N, C-alpha and C. Protein backbone atom coordinates (compact mmCIF):
# COMPACT_ATOMS: atom_id res chain seq x y z
N ALA A 1 -0.85 -0.87 11.12
CA ALA A 1 -1.70 -1.57 10.20
C ALA A 1 -3.13 -1.46 10.70
N ILE A 2 -4.07 -1.51 9.78
CA ILE A 2 -5.49 -1.43 10.10
C ILE A 2 -6.12 -2.76 9.77
N ARG A 3 -6.80 -3.35 10.71
CA ARG A 3 -7.47 -4.62 10.45
C ARG A 3 -8.96 -4.36 10.29
N THR A 4 -9.59 -5.02 9.34
CA THR A 4 -11.03 -4.82 9.14
C THR A 4 -11.80 -5.51 10.26
N PRO A 5 -12.97 -4.98 10.62
CA PRO A 5 -13.81 -5.67 11.59
C PRO A 5 -14.24 -7.02 11.04
N GLY A 6 -14.53 -7.96 11.91
CA GLY A 6 -14.89 -9.30 11.48
C GLY A 6 -16.08 -9.38 10.57
N SER A 7 -17.07 -8.52 10.75
CA SER A 7 -18.29 -8.64 9.96
C SER A 7 -18.28 -7.85 8.66
N SER A 8 -17.32 -6.92 8.50
CA SER A 8 -17.31 -6.09 7.30
C SER A 8 -15.97 -6.16 6.59
N PRO A 9 -15.97 -6.50 5.30
CA PRO A 9 -14.70 -6.56 4.57
C PRO A 9 -14.23 -5.21 4.04
N GLU A 10 -14.96 -4.12 4.26
CA GLU A 10 -14.59 -2.82 3.72
C GLU A 10 -13.59 -2.11 4.62
N LEU A 11 -12.59 -1.47 4.02
CA LEU A 11 -11.58 -0.73 4.76
C LEU A 11 -12.16 0.56 5.34
N SER A 12 -12.81 1.34 4.53
CA SER A 12 -13.40 2.61 4.95
C SER A 12 -14.57 2.91 4.03
N PRO A 13 -15.39 3.88 4.40
CA PRO A 13 -16.51 4.23 3.51
C PRO A 13 -16.04 4.71 2.14
N HIS A 14 -14.78 5.18 2.03
CA HIS A 14 -14.28 5.71 0.77
C HIS A 14 -13.51 4.69 -0.04
N ALA A 15 -13.15 3.56 0.55
CA ALA A 15 -12.35 2.55 -0.16
C ALA A 15 -13.25 1.77 -1.11
N ASN A 16 -12.74 1.55 -2.33
CA ASN A 16 -13.50 0.79 -3.31
C ASN A 16 -13.06 -0.67 -3.36
N VAL A 17 -11.97 -1.00 -2.70
CA VAL A 17 -11.42 -2.34 -2.71
C VAL A 17 -11.44 -2.88 -1.29
N SER A 18 -11.91 -4.09 -1.10
CA SER A 18 -11.98 -4.64 0.25
C SER A 18 -10.77 -5.51 0.55
N LEU A 19 -10.56 -5.73 1.84
CA LEU A 19 -9.51 -6.63 2.28
C LEU A 19 -10.01 -8.06 2.24
N SER A 20 -9.14 -8.97 1.88
CA SER A 20 -9.46 -10.40 1.91
C SER A 20 -9.23 -10.91 3.32
N PRO A 21 -9.82 -12.04 3.68
CA PRO A 21 -9.56 -12.61 5.00
C PRO A 21 -8.05 -12.81 5.20
N GLY A 22 -7.55 -12.43 6.37
CA GLY A 22 -6.14 -12.57 6.68
C GLY A 22 -5.28 -11.40 6.25
N GLU A 23 -5.87 -10.41 5.56
CA GLU A 23 -5.10 -9.24 5.13
C GLU A 23 -5.31 -8.09 6.12
N VAL A 24 -4.30 -7.22 6.16
CA VAL A 24 -4.41 -5.97 6.90
C VAL A 24 -4.03 -4.85 5.94
N ALA A 25 -4.46 -3.63 6.24
CA ALA A 25 -4.14 -2.47 5.42
C ALA A 25 -2.96 -1.74 6.04
N VAL A 26 -1.97 -1.41 5.22
CA VAL A 26 -0.74 -0.78 5.70
C VAL A 26 -0.43 0.46 4.88
N PRO A 27 -0.27 1.62 5.55
CA PRO A 27 0.16 2.81 4.82
C PRO A 27 1.67 2.74 4.59
N VAL A 28 2.10 3.04 3.37
CA VAL A 28 3.53 3.07 3.05
C VAL A 28 3.84 4.40 2.36
N VAL A 29 5.01 4.94 2.66
CA VAL A 29 5.48 6.17 2.03
C VAL A 29 6.19 5.77 0.74
N ILE A 30 5.76 6.34 -0.38
CA ILE A 30 6.31 6.00 -1.69
C ILE A 30 7.36 7.04 -2.09
N SER A 31 8.47 6.56 -2.62
CA SER A 31 9.54 7.43 -3.11
C SER A 31 9.98 6.94 -4.49
N PRO A 32 10.14 7.81 -5.44
CA PRO A 32 9.91 9.24 -5.38
C PRO A 32 8.42 9.54 -5.24
N SER A 33 8.11 10.68 -4.66
CA SER A 33 6.71 11.00 -4.34
C SER A 33 5.82 11.04 -5.58
N GLY A 34 6.36 11.39 -6.72
CA GLY A 34 5.56 11.44 -7.95
C GLY A 34 5.06 10.07 -8.38
N ALA A 35 5.70 9.01 -7.92
CA ALA A 35 5.28 7.66 -8.32
C ALA A 35 3.90 7.30 -7.79
N VAL A 36 3.49 7.92 -6.69
CA VAL A 36 2.18 7.60 -6.13
C VAL A 36 1.06 7.98 -7.10
N ALA A 37 1.30 8.97 -7.95
CA ALA A 37 0.29 9.40 -8.93
C ALA A 37 0.04 8.34 -9.99
N THR A 38 0.95 7.39 -10.16
CA THR A 38 0.77 6.34 -11.15
C THR A 38 -0.02 5.15 -10.61
N LEU A 39 -0.30 5.16 -9.31
CA LEU A 39 -0.99 4.04 -8.68
C LEU A 39 -2.49 4.29 -8.60
N THR A 40 -3.25 3.21 -8.70
CA THR A 40 -4.69 3.27 -8.53
C THR A 40 -5.11 2.09 -7.67
N PRO A 41 -6.25 2.20 -6.99
CA PRO A 41 -6.72 1.04 -6.23
C PRO A 41 -6.82 -0.17 -7.16
N GLY A 42 -6.29 -1.28 -6.71
CA GLY A 42 -6.27 -2.50 -7.51
C GLY A 42 -4.92 -2.77 -8.16
N SER A 43 -4.05 -1.74 -8.24
CA SER A 43 -2.70 -1.96 -8.79
C SER A 43 -1.96 -2.97 -7.91
N VAL A 44 -1.15 -3.80 -8.54
CA VAL A 44 -0.31 -4.75 -7.81
C VAL A 44 1.12 -4.29 -7.98
N VAL A 45 1.83 -4.14 -6.85
CA VAL A 45 3.18 -3.59 -6.88
C VAL A 45 4.13 -4.41 -6.02
N ASP A 46 5.40 -4.32 -6.36
CA ASP A 46 6.47 -4.80 -5.48
C ASP A 46 7.03 -3.57 -4.81
N LEU A 47 7.36 -3.69 -3.52
CA LEU A 47 7.91 -2.58 -2.76
C LEU A 47 9.39 -2.84 -2.54
N ILE A 48 10.21 -1.82 -2.80
CA ILE A 48 11.66 -1.99 -2.70
C ILE A 48 12.26 -0.80 -1.96
N ARG A 49 13.20 -1.08 -1.07
CA ARG A 49 13.89 -0.02 -0.32
C ARG A 49 15.07 0.49 -1.15
N GLU A 50 15.43 1.74 -0.93
CA GLU A 50 16.55 2.35 -1.66
C GLU A 50 17.82 1.54 -1.45
N GLY A 51 18.49 1.24 -2.54
CA GLY A 51 19.75 0.50 -2.49
C GLY A 51 19.60 -1.01 -2.41
N ALA A 52 18.37 -1.51 -2.26
CA ALA A 52 18.16 -2.95 -2.17
C ALA A 52 18.25 -3.58 -3.56
N THR A 53 18.59 -4.85 -3.59
CA THR A 53 18.66 -5.57 -4.87
C THR A 53 17.46 -6.47 -5.09
N ALA A 54 16.60 -6.56 -4.09
CA ALA A 54 15.39 -7.38 -4.19
C ALA A 54 14.25 -6.68 -3.46
N PRO A 55 13.02 -6.90 -3.90
CA PRO A 55 11.88 -6.28 -3.22
C PRO A 55 11.76 -6.72 -1.77
N VAL A 56 11.31 -5.81 -0.93
CA VAL A 56 10.99 -6.13 0.45
C VAL A 56 9.67 -6.88 0.48
N VAL A 57 8.76 -6.48 -0.40
CA VAL A 57 7.42 -7.10 -0.50
C VAL A 57 7.12 -7.30 -1.98
N GLN A 58 6.62 -8.47 -2.32
CA GLN A 58 6.20 -8.74 -3.69
C GLN A 58 4.68 -8.91 -3.72
N GLY A 59 4.06 -8.33 -4.74
CA GLY A 59 2.63 -8.53 -4.96
C GLY A 59 1.71 -7.83 -3.98
N ALA A 60 2.09 -6.65 -3.49
CA ALA A 60 1.20 -5.88 -2.63
C ALA A 60 0.09 -5.29 -3.48
N ARG A 61 -1.13 -5.31 -2.97
CA ARG A 61 -2.27 -4.77 -3.70
C ARG A 61 -2.63 -3.40 -3.13
N VAL A 62 -2.62 -2.39 -3.99
CA VAL A 62 -2.99 -1.03 -3.58
C VAL A 62 -4.50 -1.02 -3.34
N ILE A 63 -4.90 -0.53 -2.17
CA ILE A 63 -6.34 -0.47 -1.90
C ILE A 63 -6.86 0.96 -1.80
N GLU A 64 -5.95 1.90 -1.56
CA GLU A 64 -6.41 3.29 -1.47
C GLU A 64 -5.21 4.22 -1.58
N ILE A 65 -5.43 5.39 -2.19
CA ILE A 65 -4.46 6.47 -2.23
C ILE A 65 -5.09 7.62 -1.45
N PRO A 66 -4.65 7.85 -0.20
CA PRO A 66 -5.27 8.92 0.59
C PRO A 66 -5.09 10.27 -0.09
N THR A 67 -6.10 11.11 0.03
CA THR A 67 -6.04 12.43 -0.57
C THR A 67 -6.27 13.48 0.50
N SER A 68 -5.74 14.64 0.24
CA SER A 68 -6.05 15.80 1.07
C SER A 68 -6.47 16.89 0.10
N GLY A 69 -7.70 17.23 0.12
CA GLY A 69 -8.20 18.23 -0.82
C GLY A 69 -8.58 17.59 -2.14
N PHE A 70 -7.91 17.99 -3.23
CA PHE A 70 -8.31 17.56 -4.56
C PHE A 70 -7.33 16.65 -5.26
N GLY A 71 -6.45 15.98 -4.54
CA GLY A 71 -5.50 15.09 -5.20
C GLY A 71 -4.72 14.31 -4.17
N PRO A 72 -3.74 13.54 -4.63
CA PRO A 72 -2.93 12.77 -3.69
C PRO A 72 -2.28 13.68 -2.66
N SER A 73 -2.14 13.19 -1.44
CA SER A 73 -1.53 14.00 -0.40
C SER A 73 -0.06 14.24 -0.73
N SER A 74 0.51 15.29 -0.16
CA SER A 74 1.90 15.61 -0.42
C SER A 74 2.84 14.59 0.23
N ASP A 75 2.32 13.75 1.09
CA ASP A 75 3.15 12.75 1.76
C ASP A 75 3.42 11.52 0.90
N ALA A 76 2.79 11.39 -0.26
CA ALA A 76 2.99 10.26 -1.17
C ALA A 76 2.76 8.93 -0.47
N ILE A 77 1.59 8.79 0.11
CA ILE A 77 1.25 7.58 0.85
C ILE A 77 0.28 6.74 0.04
N ALA A 78 0.52 5.44 0.03
CA ALA A 78 -0.41 4.47 -0.55
C ALA A 78 -0.79 3.49 0.56
N ILE A 79 -2.03 3.05 0.55
CA ILE A 79 -2.47 2.02 1.49
C ILE A 79 -2.48 0.71 0.72
N VAL A 80 -1.74 -0.28 1.21
CA VAL A 80 -1.65 -1.57 0.52
C VAL A 80 -2.16 -2.69 1.41
N ALA A 81 -2.67 -3.74 0.79
CA ALA A 81 -3.15 -4.92 1.51
C ALA A 81 -2.02 -5.93 1.57
N LEU A 82 -1.74 -6.39 2.79
CA LEU A 82 -0.67 -7.36 3.02
C LEU A 82 -1.11 -8.40 4.05
N THR A 83 -0.43 -9.52 4.06
CA THR A 83 -0.66 -10.46 5.15
C THR A 83 -0.11 -9.83 6.43
N ARG A 84 -0.56 -10.29 7.56
CA ARG A 84 -0.10 -9.73 8.83
C ARG A 84 1.42 -9.88 8.99
N ALA A 85 1.97 -11.03 8.63
CA ALA A 85 3.41 -11.26 8.77
C ALA A 85 4.21 -10.29 7.90
N THR A 86 3.76 -10.07 6.68
CA THR A 86 4.45 -9.15 5.78
C THR A 86 4.32 -7.72 6.30
N ALA A 87 3.15 -7.38 6.82
CA ALA A 87 2.93 -6.04 7.37
C ALA A 87 3.88 -5.78 8.54
N LEU A 88 4.11 -6.78 9.36
CA LEU A 88 5.02 -6.61 10.49
C LEU A 88 6.44 -6.32 10.04
N SER A 89 6.86 -6.93 8.93
CA SER A 89 8.21 -6.67 8.43
C SER A 89 8.35 -5.22 7.95
N LEU A 90 7.29 -4.66 7.37
CA LEU A 90 7.32 -3.26 6.95
C LEU A 90 7.21 -2.32 8.14
N ALA A 91 6.43 -2.71 9.13
CA ALA A 91 6.19 -1.85 10.29
C ALA A 91 7.46 -1.61 11.10
N SER A 92 8.46 -2.46 10.93
CA SER A 92 9.69 -2.28 11.69
C SER A 92 10.49 -1.06 11.20
N HIS A 93 10.15 -0.52 10.03
CA HIS A 93 10.79 0.68 9.47
C HIS A 93 9.72 1.60 8.88
N PRO A 94 8.80 2.13 9.71
CA PRO A 94 7.65 2.85 9.16
C PRO A 94 7.97 4.15 8.43
N SER A 95 9.08 4.80 8.75
CA SER A 95 9.36 6.08 8.11
C SER A 95 10.26 5.96 6.88
N GLU A 96 10.74 4.75 6.58
CA GLU A 96 11.58 4.56 5.40
C GLU A 96 10.72 4.45 4.15
N PRO A 97 10.90 5.37 3.21
CA PRO A 97 10.12 5.29 1.97
C PRO A 97 10.49 4.04 1.17
N VAL A 98 9.57 3.61 0.35
CA VAL A 98 9.82 2.48 -0.54
C VAL A 98 9.52 2.89 -1.97
N GLY A 99 10.25 2.32 -2.90
CA GLY A 99 9.95 2.51 -4.31
C GLY A 99 8.95 1.45 -4.73
N VAL A 100 8.34 1.65 -5.88
CA VAL A 100 7.37 0.68 -6.37
C VAL A 100 7.74 0.20 -7.76
N MET A 101 7.51 -1.06 -7.99
CA MET A 101 7.59 -1.65 -9.33
C MET A 101 6.19 -2.15 -9.61
N ILE A 102 5.56 -1.60 -10.64
CA ILE A 102 4.15 -1.86 -10.91
C ILE A 102 4.01 -3.07 -11.84
N HIS A 103 3.19 -4.03 -11.43
CA HIS A 103 2.91 -5.20 -12.26
C HIS A 103 1.93 -4.80 -13.37
N GLY A 104 2.01 -5.46 -14.50
CA GLY A 104 1.06 -5.24 -15.58
C GLY A 104 -0.28 -5.87 -15.25
N ARG A 105 -1.31 -5.38 -15.86
CA ARG A 105 -2.65 -5.96 -15.69
C ARG A 105 -2.70 -7.31 -16.37
N GLU A 106 -3.33 -8.27 -15.72
CA GLU A 106 -3.42 -9.62 -16.31
C GLU A 106 -4.83 -9.92 -16.74
């Protein structure tokens, strides 16, 4: 997880969405990989592991979709904002991809 410096709420010079106090940025591998193309910074998603009947994380906010070259990276990674406690639960299985359920705009 990446924590923002105390004086700056911005994740990186390229991020358009900042972290709120108490949030950390966490890269997650999205499966199927094509689903990452449907995400944009600001999207709110639930993250679910394959075969699970309930989300591992509810209400994660997408803050960045890393790119390599001219589009999403082939690794299908999204950077999401989470509380530290929630980030730790995901960090225990960093290589396990997660599916996404996208919330509607309110």
